[in-house]
Amino acid sequence: MPEATRRLLTEETGTFQPVKGSGYALKNIREQIRITYG
């Protein structure tokens, strides 16, 4: 993927947002890890 896309996904999975839209699976996984492990 282009660097801009990678950076966007990394930013989106690093903060809480409603889990929807592009990168859904990665956001969902990041939130599960955050809630469970910190």
PDB file of all heavy atoms in Angstrom:
ATOM      1  N   MET A   1       0.838  -1.201   0.000  1.00  0.00           N
ATOM      2  CA  MET A   1       0.000   0.000   0.000  1.00  0.00           C
ATOM      3  C   MET A   1       0.873   1.251   0.000  1.00  0.00           C
ATOM      4  O   MET A   1       2.024   1.205   0.455  1.00  0.00           O
ATOM      5  CB  MET A   1      -0.928   0.006   1.215  1.00  0.00           C
ATOM      6  CG  MET A   1      -0.219   0.126   2.546  1.00  0.00           C
ATOM      7  SD  MET A   1      -1.331   0.014   3.993  1.00  0.00           S
ATOM      8  CE  MET A   1      -1.575  -1.758   4.101  1.00  0.00           C
ATOM      9  N   PRO A   2       0.343   2.368  -0.487  1.00  0.00           N
ATOM     10  CA  PRO A   2       1.097   3.618  -0.430  1.00  0.00           C
ATOM     11  C   PRO A   2       1.339   4.040   1.021  1.00  0.00           C
ATOM     12  O   PRO A   2       0.566   3.691   1.918  1.00  0.00           O
ATOM     13  CB  PRO A   2       0.179   4.621  -1.144  1.00  0.00           C
ATOM     14  CG  PRO A   2      -0.786   3.789  -1.920  1.00  0.00           C
ATOM     15  CD  PRO A   2      -0.948   2.517  -1.167  1.00  0.00           C
ATOM     16  N   GLU A   3       2.383   4.801   1.240  1.00  0.00           N
ATOM     17  CA  GLU A   3       2.727   5.249   2.590  1.00  0.00           C
ATOM     18  C   GLU A   3       1.593   6.053   3.221  1.00  0.00           C
ATOM     19  O   GLU A   3       1.337   5.939   4.421  1.00  0.00           O
ATOM     20  CB  GLU A   3       4.017   6.087   2.553  1.00  0.00           C
ATOM     21  CG  GLU A   3       4.395   6.732   3.878  1.00  0.00           C
ATOM     22  CD  GLU A   3       4.580   5.734   5.007  1.00  0.00           C
ATOM     23  OE1 GLU A   3       4.806   4.536   4.737  1.00  0.00           O
ATOM     24  OE2 GLU A   3       4.499   6.168   6.175  1.00  0.00           O
ATOM     25  N   ALA A   4       0.904   6.857   2.424  1.00  0.00           N
ATOM     26  CA  ALA A   4      -0.201   7.650   2.964  1.00  0.00           C
ATOM     27  C   ALA A   4      -1.307   6.760   3.525  1.00  0.00           C
ATOM     28  O   ALA A   4      -1.885   7.050   4.581  1.00  0.00           O
ATOM     29  CB  ALA A   4      -0.764   8.567   1.870  1.00  0.00           C
ATOM     30  N   THR A   5      -1.602   5.663   2.828  1.00  0.00           N
ATOM     31  CA  THR A   5      -2.624   4.719   3.299  1.00  0.00           C
ATOM     32  C   THR A   5      -2.160   4.028   4.567  1.00  0.00           C
ATOM     33  O   THR A   5      -2.918   3.878   5.530  1.00  0.00           O
ATOM     34  CB  THR A   5      -2.929   3.676   2.208  1.00  0.00           C
ATOM     35  OG1 THR A   5      -3.354   4.343   1.024  1.00  0.00           O
ATOM     36  CG2 THR A   5      -4.008   2.712   2.674  1.00  0.00           C
ATOM     37  N   ARG A   6      -0.905   3.589   4.573  1.00  0.00           N
ATOM     38  CA  ARG A   6      -0.363   2.923   5.767  1.00  0.00           C
ATOM     39  C   ARG A   6      -0.407   3.841   6.979  1.00  0.00           C
ATOM     40  O   ARG A   6      -0.798   3.443   8.072  1.00  0.00           O
ATOM     41  CB  ARG A   6       1.079   2.477   5.501  1.00  0.00           C
ATOM     42  CG  ARG A   6       1.669   1.615   6.633  1.00  0.00           C
ATOM     43  CD  ARG A   6       3.170   1.753   6.711  1.00  0.00           C
ATOM     44  NE  ARG A   6       3.571   3.097   7.084  1.00  0.00           N
ATOM     45  CZ  ARG A   6       3.550   3.541   8.347  1.00  0.00           C
ATOM     46  NH1 ARG A   6       3.149   2.777   9.340  1.00  0.00           N
ATOM     47  NH2 ARG A   6       3.927   4.796   8.608  1.00  0.00           N
ATOM     48  N   ARG A   7      -0.021   5.091   6.760  1.00  0.00           N
ATOM     49  CA  ARG A   7      -0.006   6.047   7.859  1.00  0.00           C
ATOM     50  C   ARG A   7      -1.418   6.319   8.367  1.00  0.00           C
ATOM     51  O   ARG A   7      -1.652   6.404   9.578  1.00  0.00           O
ATOM     52  CB  ARG A   7       0.660   7.347   7.411  1.00  0.00           C
ATOM     53  CG  ARG A   7       0.909   8.327   8.554  1.00  0.00           C
ATOM     54  CD  ARG A   7       1.853   9.446   8.140  1.00  0.00           C
ATOM     55  NE  ARG A   7       1.394  10.153   6.957  1.00  0.00           N
ATOM     56  CZ  ARG A   7       1.984  10.090   5.766  1.00  0.00           C
ATOM     57  NH1 ARG A   7       3.074   9.344   5.598  1.00  0.00           N
ATOM     58  NH2 ARG A   7       1.520  10.770   4.740  1.00  0.00           N
ATOM     59  N   LEU A   8      -2.374   6.420   7.456  1.00  0.00           N
ATOM     60  CA  LEU A   8      -3.763   6.651   7.837  1.00  0.00           C
ATOM     61  C   LEU A   8      -4.300   5.491   8.668  1.00  0.00           C
ATOM     62  O   LEU A   8      -4.949   5.695   9.698  1.00  0.00           O
ATOM     63  CB  LEU A   8      -4.628   6.849   6.592  1.00  0.00           C
ATOM     64  CG  LEU A   8      -6.128   7.074   6.820  1.00  0.00           C
ATOM     65  CD1 LEU A   8      -6.355   8.354   7.617  1.00  0.00           C
ATOM     66  CD2 LEU A   8      -6.868   7.114   5.498  1.00  0.00           C
ATOM     67  N   LEU A   9      -4.011   4.266   8.228  1.00  0.00           N
ATOM     68  CA  LEU A   9      -4.467   3.093   8.978  1.00  0.00           C
ATOM     69  C   LEU A   9      -3.830   3.039  10.353  1.00  0.00           C
ATOM     70  O   LEU A   9      -4.483   2.689  11.342  1.00  0.00           O
ATOM     71  CB  LEU A   9      -4.142   1.812   8.202  1.00  0.00           C
ATOM     72  CG  LEU A   9      -5.000   1.516   6.977  1.00  0.00           C
ATOM     73  CD1 LEU A   9      -4.453   0.316   6.232  1.00  0.00           C
ATOM     74  CD2 LEU A   9      -6.456   1.272   7.374  1.00  0.00           C
ATOM     75  N   THR A  10      -2.547   3.380  10.427  1.00  0.00           N
ATOM     76  CA  THR A  10      -1.855   3.374  11.710  1.00  0.00           C
ATOM     77  C   THR A  10      -2.444   4.418  12.645  1.00  0.00           C
ATOM     78  O   THR A  10      -2.672   4.149  13.833  1.00  0.00           O
ATOM     79  CB  THR A  10      -0.350   3.654  11.514  1.00  0.00           C
ATOM     80  OG1 THR A  10       0.190   2.662  10.640  1.00  0.00           O
ATOM     81  CG2 THR A  10       0.381   3.608  12.845  1.00  0.00           C
ATOM     82  N   GLU A  11      -2.730   5.584  12.120  1.00  0.00           N
ATOM     83  CA  GLU A  11      -3.330   6.645  12.939  1.00  0.00           C
ATOM     84  C   GLU A  11      -4.727   6.259  13.383  1.00  0.00           C
ATOM     85  O   GLU A  11      -5.108   6.438  14.533  1.00  0.00           O
ATOM     86  CB  GLU A  11      -3.377   7.945  12.147  1.00  0.00           C
ATOM     87  CG  GLU A  11      -1.999   8.557  11.915  1.00  0.00           C
ATOM     88  CD  GLU A  11      -2.035   9.712  10.937  1.00  0.00           C
ATOM     89  OE1 GLU A  11      -3.124   9.980  10.382  1.00  0.00           O
ATOM     90  OE2 GLU A  11      -0.978  10.335  10.723  1.00  0.00           O
ATOM     91  N   GLU A  12      -5.497   5.681  12.470  1.00  0.00           N
ATOM     92  CA  GLU A  12      -6.879   5.322  12.800  1.00  0.00           C
ATOM     93  C   GLU A  12      -6.946   4.204  13.824  1.00  0.00           C
ATOM     94  O   GLU A  12      -7.854   4.173  14.644  1.00  0.00           O
ATOM     95  CB  GLU A  12      -7.633   4.905  11.535  1.00  0.00           C
ATOM     96  CG  GLU A  12      -7.955   6.054  10.616  1.00  0.00           C
ATOM     97  CD  GLU A  12      -8.734   5.600   9.398  1.00  0.00           C
ATOM     98  OE1 GLU A  12      -8.728   4.398   9.095  1.00  0.00           O
ATOM     99  OE2 GLU A  12      -9.359   6.466   8.763  1.00  0.00           O
ATOM    100  N   THR A  13      -5.986   3.290  13.796  1.00  0.00           N
ATOM    101  CA  THR A  13      -6.022   2.189  14.742  1.00  0.00           C
ATOM    102  C   THR A  13      -5.341   2.536  16.048  1.00  0.00           C
ATOM    103  O   THR A  13      -5.303   1.738  16.959  1.00  0.00           O
ATOM    104  CB  THR A  13      -5.362   0.926  14.148  1.00  0.00           C
ATOM    105  OG1 THR A  13      -4.027   1.247  13.763  1.00  0.00           O
ATOM    106  CG2 THR A  13      -6.142   0.403  12.966  1.00  0.00           C
ATOM    107  N   GLY A  14      -4.816   3.747  16.157  1.00  0.00           N
ATOM    108  CA  GLY A  14      -4.149   4.132  17.386  1.00  0.00           C
ATOM    109  C   GLY A  14      -5.017   4.930  18.335  1.00  0.00           C
ATOM    110  O   GLY A  14      -4.630   5.189  19.467  1.00  0.00           O
ATOM    111  N   THR A  15      -6.199   5.353  17.896  1.00  0.00           N
ATOM    112  CA  THR A  15      -7.095   6.116  18.757  1.00  0.00           C
ATOM    113  C   THR A  15      -8.499   5.554  18.640  1.00  0.00           C
ATOM    114  O   THR A  15      -8.857   4.939  17.640  1.00  0.00           O
ATOM    115  CB  THR A  15      -7.129   7.598  18.340  1.00  0.00           C
ATOM    116  OG1 THR A  15      -7.551   7.685  16.975  1.00  0.00           O
ATOM    117  CG2 THR A  15      -5.750   8.237  18.482  1.00  0.00           C
ATOM    118  N   PHE A  16      -9.301   5.784  19.682  1.00  0.00           N
ATOM    119  CA  PHE A  16     -10.656   5.241  19.661  1.00  0.00           C
ATOM    120  C   PHE A  16     -11.529   5.982  18.667  1.00  0.00           C
ATOM    121  O   PHE A  16     -11.585   7.203  18.651  1.00  0.00           O
ATOM    122  CB  PHE A  16     -11.304   5.320  21.036  1.00  0.00           C
ATOM    123  CG  PHE A  16     -12.738   4.864  21.005  1.00  0.00           C
ATOM    124  CD1 PHE A  16     -13.028   3.519  20.953  1.00  0.00           C
ATOM    125  CD2 PHE A  16     -13.771   5.776  20.961  1.00  0.00           C
ATOM    126  CE1 PHE A  16     -14.348   3.079  20.891  1.00  0.00           C
ATOM    127  CE2 PHE A  16     -15.085   5.354  20.891  1.00  0.00           C
ATOM    128  CZ  PHE A  16     -15.377   4.002  20.864  1.00  0.00           C
ATOM    129  N   GLN A  17     -12.219   5.217  17.818  1.00  0.00           N
ATOM    130  CA  GLN A  17     -13.234   5.739  16.914  1.00  0.00           C
ATOM    131  C   GLN A  17     -14.299   4.668  16.778  1.00  0.00           C
ATOM    132  O   GLN A  17     -14.032   3.493  17.013  1.00  0.00           O
ATOM    133  CB  GLN A  17     -12.655   6.042  15.529  1.00  0.00           C
ATOM    134  CG  GLN A  17     -11.638   7.161  15.499  1.00  0.00           C
ATOM    135  CD  GLN A  17     -11.198   7.420  14.070  1.00  0.00           C
ATOM    136  OE1 GLN A  17     -11.933   7.185  13.127  1.00  0.00           O
ATOM    137  NE2 GLN A  17      -9.989   7.917  13.906  1.00  0.00           N
ATOM    138  N   PRO A  18     -15.535   5.055  16.388  1.00  0.00           N
ATOM    139  CA  PRO A  18     -16.512   4.020  16.071  1.00  0.00           C
ATOM    140  C   PRO A  18     -15.936   3.092  15.011  1.00  0.00           C
ATOM    141  O   PRO A  18     -15.329   3.544  14.041  1.00  0.00           O
ATOM    142  CB  PRO A  18     -17.703   4.824  15.526  1.00  0.00           C
ATOM    143  CG  PRO A  18     -17.560   6.164  16.150  1.00  0.00           C
ATOM    144  CD  PRO A  18     -16.071   6.407  16.241  1.00  0.00           C
ATOM    145  N   VAL A  19     -16.125   1.789  15.195  1.00  0.00           N
ATOM    146  CA  VAL A  19     -15.492   0.824  14.297  1.00  0.00           C
ATOM    147  C   VAL A  19     -16.329   0.659  13.040  1.00  0.00           C
ATOM    148  O   VAL A  19     -17.296  -0.099  12.996  1.00  0.00           O
ATOM    149  CB  VAL A  19     -15.288  -0.532  15.012  1.00  0.00           C
ATOM    150  CG1 VAL A  19     -14.620  -1.528  14.078  1.00  0.00           C
ATOM    151  CG2 VAL A  19     -14.460  -0.343  16.265  1.00  0.00           C
ATOM    152  N   LYS A  20     -15.978   1.417  12.000  1.00  0.00           N
ATOM    153  CA  LYS A  20     -16.686   1.354  10.732  1.00  0.00           C
ATOM    154  C   LYS A  20     -15.798   1.970   9.663  1.00  0.00           C
ATOM    155  O   LYS A  20     -14.743   2.532   9.954  1.00  0.00           O
ATOM    156  CB  LYS A  20     -18.022   2.113  10.812  1.00  0.00           C
ATOM    157  CG  LYS A  20     -17.861   3.597  11.151  1.00  0.00           C
ATOM    158  CD  LYS A  20     -19.218   4.263  11.286  1.00  0.00           C
ATOM    159  CE  LYS A  20     -19.048   5.750  11.617  1.00  0.00           C
ATOM    160  NZ  LYS A  20     -20.344   6.438  11.744  1.00  0.00           N
ATOM    161  N   GLY A  21     -16.214   1.843   8.396  1.00  0.00           N
ATOM    162  CA  GLY A  21     -15.477   2.473   7.309  1.00  0.00           C
ATOM    163  C   GLY A  21     -14.240   1.693   6.910  1.00  0.00           C
ATOM    164  O   GLY A  21     -14.079   0.513   7.206  1.00  0.00           O
ATOM    165  N   SER A  22     -13.322   2.388   6.220  1.00  0.00           N
ATOM    166  CA  SER A  22     -12.122   1.738   5.713  1.00  0.00           C
ATOM    167  C   SER A  22     -11.237   1.271   6.867  1.00  0.00           C
ATOM    168  O   SER A  22     -11.174   1.907   7.918  1.00  0.00           O
ATOM    169  CB  SER A  22     -11.343   2.719   4.825  1.00  0.00           C
ATOM    170  OG  SER A  22     -10.937   3.838   5.585  1.00  0.00           O
ATOM    171  N   GLY A  23     -10.553   0.162   6.654  1.00  0.00           N
ATOM    172  CA  GLY A  23      -9.696  -0.370   7.702  1.00  0.00           C
ATOM    173  C   GLY A  23     -10.477  -0.927   8.877  1.00  0.00           C
ATOM    174  O   GLY A  23      -9.952  -1.020   9.992  1.00  0.00           O
ATOM    175  N   TYR A  24     -11.718  -1.338   8.627  1.00  0.00           N
ATOM    176  CA  TYR A  24     -12.599  -1.813   9.703  1.00  0.00           C
ATOM    177  C   TYR A  24     -11.941  -2.880  10.561  1.00  0.00           C
ATOM    178  O   TYR A  24     -11.929  -2.780  11.789  1.00  0.00           O
ATOM    179  CB  TYR A  24     -13.900  -2.347   9.100  1.00  0.00           C
ATOM    180  CG  TYR A  24     -14.739  -3.148  10.071  1.00  0.00           C
ATOM    181  CD1 TYR A  24     -15.620  -2.514  10.930  1.00  0.00           C
ATOM    182  CD2 TYR A  24     -14.617  -4.541  10.140  1.00  0.00           C
ATOM    183  CE1 TYR A  24     -16.376  -3.238  11.828  1.00  0.00           C
ATOM    184  CE2 TYR A  24     -15.365  -5.266  11.041  1.00  0.00           C
ATOM    185  CZ  TYR A  24     -16.245  -4.612  11.883  1.00  0.00           C
ATOM    186  OH  TYR A  24     -16.978  -5.345  12.784  1.00  0.00           O
ATOM    187  N   ALA A  25     -11.405  -3.924   9.941  1.00  0.00           N
ATOM    188  CA  ALA A  25     -10.861  -5.053  10.695  1.00  0.00           C
ATOM    189  C   ALA A  25      -9.710  -4.618  11.594  1.00  0.00           C
ATOM    190  O   ALA A  25      -9.630  -5.017  12.760  1.00  0.00           O
ATOM    191  CB  ALA A  25     -10.407  -6.159   9.749  1.00  0.00           C
ATOM    192  N   LEU A  26      -8.807  -3.788  11.070  1.00  0.00           N
ATOM    193  CA  LEU A  26      -7.655  -3.355  11.864  1.00  0.00           C
ATOM    194  C   LEU A  26      -8.083  -2.459  13.020  1.00  0.00           C
ATOM    195  O   LEU A  26      -7.546  -2.559  14.125  1.00  0.00           O
ATOM    196  CB  LEU A  26      -6.646  -2.635  10.967  1.00  0.00           C
ATOM    197  CG  LEU A  26      -5.999  -3.499   9.885  1.00  0.00           C
ATOM    198  CD1 LEU A  26      -5.055  -2.663   9.042  1.00  0.00           C
ATOM    199  CD2 LEU A  26      -5.259  -4.689  10.487  1.00  0.00           C
ATOM    200  N   LYS A  27      -9.050  -1.578  12.783  1.00  0.00           N
ATOM    201  CA  LYS A  27      -9.561  -0.742  13.860  1.00  0.00           C
ATOM    202  C   LYS A  27     -10.201  -1.593  14.950  1.00  0.00           C
ATOM    203  O   LYS A  27     -10.018  -1.358  16.143  1.00  0.00           O
ATOM    204  CB  LYS A  27     -10.594   0.244  13.308  1.00  0.00           C
ATOM    205  CG  LYS A  27     -10.044   1.334  12.423  1.00  0.00           C
ATOM    206  CD  LYS A  27     -11.170   2.282  12.037  1.00  0.00           C
ATOM    207  CE  LYS A  27     -11.169   2.550  10.554  1.00  0.00           C
ATOM    208  NZ  LYS A  27     -12.274   3.404  10.121  1.00  0.00           N
ATOM    209  N   ASN A  28     -10.973  -2.580  14.517  1.00  0.00           N
ATOM    210  CA  ASN A  28     -11.647  -3.469  15.451  1.00  0.00           C
ATOM    211  C   ASN A  28     -10.633  -4.215  16.321  1.00  0.00           C
ATOM    212  O   ASN A  28     -10.778  -4.292  17.548  1.00  0.00           O
ATOM    213  CB  ASN A  28     -12.523  -4.451  14.660  1.00  0.00           C
ATOM    214  CG  ASN A  28     -13.393  -5.316  15.542  1.00  0.00           C
ATOM    215  OD1 ASN A  28     -12.884  -6.098  16.334  1.00  0.00           O
ATOM    216  ND2 ASN A  28     -14.696  -5.182  15.392  1.00  0.00           N
ATOM    217  N   ILE A  29      -9.599  -4.762  15.672  1.00  0.00           N
ATOM    218  CA  ILE A  29      -8.568  -5.499  16.397  1.00  0.00           C
ATOM    219  C   ILE A  29      -7.838  -4.589  17.374  1.00  0.00           C
ATOM    220  O   ILE A  29      -7.586  -4.960  18.529  1.00  0.00           O
ATOM    221  CB  ILE A  29      -7.578  -6.145  15.405  1.00  0.00           C
ATOM    222  CG1 ILE A  29      -8.274  -7.287  14.657  1.00  0.00           C
ATOM    223  CG2 ILE A  29      -6.320  -6.657  16.121  1.00  0.00           C
ATOM    224  CD1 ILE A  29      -7.532  -7.763  13.439  1.00  0.00           C
ATOM    225  N   ARG A  30      -7.497  -3.393  16.923  1.00  0.00           N
ATOM    226  CA  ARG A  30      -6.803  -2.450  17.798  1.00  0.00           C
ATOM    227  C   ARG A  30      -7.640  -2.109  19.025  1.00  0.00           C
ATOM    228  O   ARG A  30      -7.115  -2.039  20.139  1.00  0.00           O
ATOM    229  CB  ARG A  30      -6.456  -1.163  17.023  1.00  0.00           C
ATOM    230  CG  ARG A  30      -5.761  -0.111  17.888  1.00  0.00           C
ATOM    231  CD  ARG A  30      -4.415  -0.628  18.397  1.00  0.00           C
ATOM    232  NE  ARG A  30      -3.841   0.256  19.384  1.00  0.00           N
ATOM    233  CZ  ARG A  30      -3.998   0.129  20.699  1.00  0.00           C
ATOM    234  NH1 ARG A  30      -4.748  -0.843  21.175  1.00  0.00           N
ATOM    235  NH2 ARG A  30      -3.410   0.953  21.537  1.00  0.00           N
ATOM    236  N   GLU A  31      -8.940  -1.941  18.845  1.00  0.00           N
ATOM    237  CA  GLU A  31      -9.803  -1.617  19.973  1.00  0.00           C
ATOM    238  C   GLU A  31      -9.909  -2.795  20.949  1.00  0.00           C
ATOM    239  O   GLU A  31      -9.927  -2.606  22.165  1.00  0.00           O
ATOM    240  CB  GLU A  31     -11.193  -1.221  19.481  1.00  0.00           C
ATOM    241  CG  GLU A  31     -11.298   0.230  19.078  1.00  0.00           C
ATOM    242  CD  GLU A  31     -10.823   1.150  20.185  1.00  0.00           C
ATOM    243  OE1 GLU A  31     -11.443   1.197  21.256  1.00  0.00           O
ATOM    244  OE2 GLU A  31      -9.799   1.820  19.983  1.00  0.00           O
ATOM    245  N   GLN A  32      -9.979  -4.016  20.410  1.00  0.00           N
ATOM    246  CA  GLN A  32     -10.018  -5.188  21.288  1.00  0.00           C
ATOM    247  C   GLN A  32      -8.759  -5.269  22.146  1.00  0.00           C
ATOM    248  O   GLN A  32      -8.824  -5.553  23.341  1.00  0.00           O
ATOM    249  CB  GLN A  32     -10.163  -6.464  20.456  1.00  0.00           C
ATOM    250  CG  GLN A  32     -11.515  -6.638  19.794  1.00  0.00           C
ATOM    251  CD  GLN A  32     -11.603  -7.987  19.119  1.00  0.00           C
ATOM    252  OE1 GLN A  32     -11.596  -9.026  19.769  1.00  0.00           O
ATOM    253  NE2 GLN A  32     -11.671  -7.977  17.790  1.00  0.00           N
ATOM    254  N   ILE A  33      -7.605  -5.037  21.520  1.00  0.00           N
ATOM    255  CA  ILE A  33      -6.333  -5.079  22.249  1.00  0.00           C
ATOM    256  C   ILE A  33      -6.286  -3.952  23.284  1.00  0.00           C
ATOM    257  O   ILE A  33      -5.896  -4.170  24.440  1.00  0.00           O
ATOM    258  CB  ILE A  33      -5.141  -4.976  21.274  1.00  0.00           C
ATOM    259  CG1 ILE A  33      -5.067  -6.229  20.400  1.00  0.00           C
ATOM    260  CG2 ILE A  33      -3.826  -4.793  22.049  1.00  0.00           C
ATOM    261  CD1 ILE A  33      -4.017  -6.166  19.304  1.00  0.00           C
ATOM    262  N   ARG A  34      -6.709  -2.761  22.886  1.00  0.00           N
ATOM    263  CA  ARG A  34      -6.665  -1.619  23.798  1.00  0.00           C
ATOM    264  C   ARG A  34      -7.539  -1.858  25.020  1.00  0.00           C
ATOM    265  O   ARG A  34      -7.128  -1.619  26.158  1.00  0.00           O
ATOM    266  CB  ARG A  34      -7.135  -0.359  23.068  1.00  0.00           C
ATOM    267  CG  ARG A  34      -7.012   0.918  23.888  1.00  0.00           C
ATOM    268  CD  ARG A  34      -7.694   2.085  23.199  1.00  0.00           C
ATOM    269  NE  ARG A  34      -9.134   1.932  23.193  1.00  0.00           N
ATOM    270  CZ  ARG A  34      -9.928   2.243  24.222  1.00  0.00           C
ATOM    271  NH1 ARG A  34      -9.414   2.700  25.352  1.00  0.00           N
ATOM    272  NH2 ARG A  34     -11.234   2.090  24.128  1.00  0.00           N
ATOM    273  N   ILE A  35      -8.766  -2.333  24.792  1.00  0.00           N
ATOM    274  CA  ILE A  35      -9.709  -2.556  25.883  1.00  0.00           C
ATOM    275  C   ILE A  35      -9.228  -3.660  26.823  1.00  0.00           C
ATOM    276  O   ILE A  35      -9.342  -3.568  28.040  1.00  0.00           O
ATOM    277  CB  ILE A  35     -11.104  -2.905  25.318  1.00  0.00           C
ATOM    278  CG1 ILE A  35     -11.709  -1.676  24.634  1.00  0.00           C
ATOM    279  CG2 ILE A  35     -12.037  -3.423  26.412  1.00  0.00           C
ATOM    280  CD1 ILE A  35     -12.925  -1.985  23.790  1.00  0.00           C
ATOM    281  N   THR A  36      -8.653  -4.719  26.246  1.00  0.00           N
ATOM    282  CA  THR A  36      -8.266  -5.891  27.041  1.00  0.00           C
ATOM    283  C   THR A  36      -6.898  -5.751  27.691  1.00  0.00           C
ATOM    284  O   THR A  36      -6.712  -6.122  28.862  1.00  0.00           O
ATOM    285  CB  THR A  36      -8.275  -7.156  26.150  1.00  0.00           C
ATOM    286  OG1 THR A  36      -9.552  -7.260  25.499  1.00  0.00           O
ATOM    287  CG2 THR A  36      -8.031  -8.409  26.982  1.00  0.00           C
ATOM    288  N   TYR A  37      -5.923  -5.206  26.967  1.00  0.00           N
ATOM    289  CA  TYR A  37      -4.537  -5.211  27.452  1.00  0.00           C
ATOM    290  C   TYR A  37      -3.975  -3.819  27.734  1.00  0.00           C
ATOM    291  O   TYR A  37      -2.985  -3.694  28.450  1.00  0.00           O
ATOM    292  CB  TYR A  37      -3.640  -5.922  26.434  1.00  0.00           C
ATOM    293  CG  TYR A  37      -4.092  -7.326  26.115  1.00  0.00           C
ATOM    294  CD1 TYR A  37      -4.673  -7.621  24.881  1.00  0.00           C
ATOM    295  CD2 TYR A  37      -3.951  -8.360  27.042  1.00  0.00           C
ATOM    296  CE1 TYR A  37      -5.103  -8.909  24.588  1.00  0.00           C
ATOM    297  CE2 TYR A  37      -4.379  -9.647  26.755  1.00  0.00           C
ATOM    298  CZ  TYR A  37      -4.958  -9.913  25.524  1.00  0.00           C
ATOM    299  OH  TYR A  37      -5.385 -11.182  25.226  1.00  0.00           O
ATOM    300  N   GLY A  38      -4.559  -2.769  27.139  1.00  0.00           N
ATOM    301  CA  GLY A  38      -4.082  -1.421  27.388  1.00  0.00           C
ATOM    302  C   GLY A  38      -3.422  -0.785  26.175  1.00  0.00           C
ATOM    303  O   GLY A  38      -3.149  -1.431  25.160  1.00  0.00           O
TER     304      GLY A  38
END
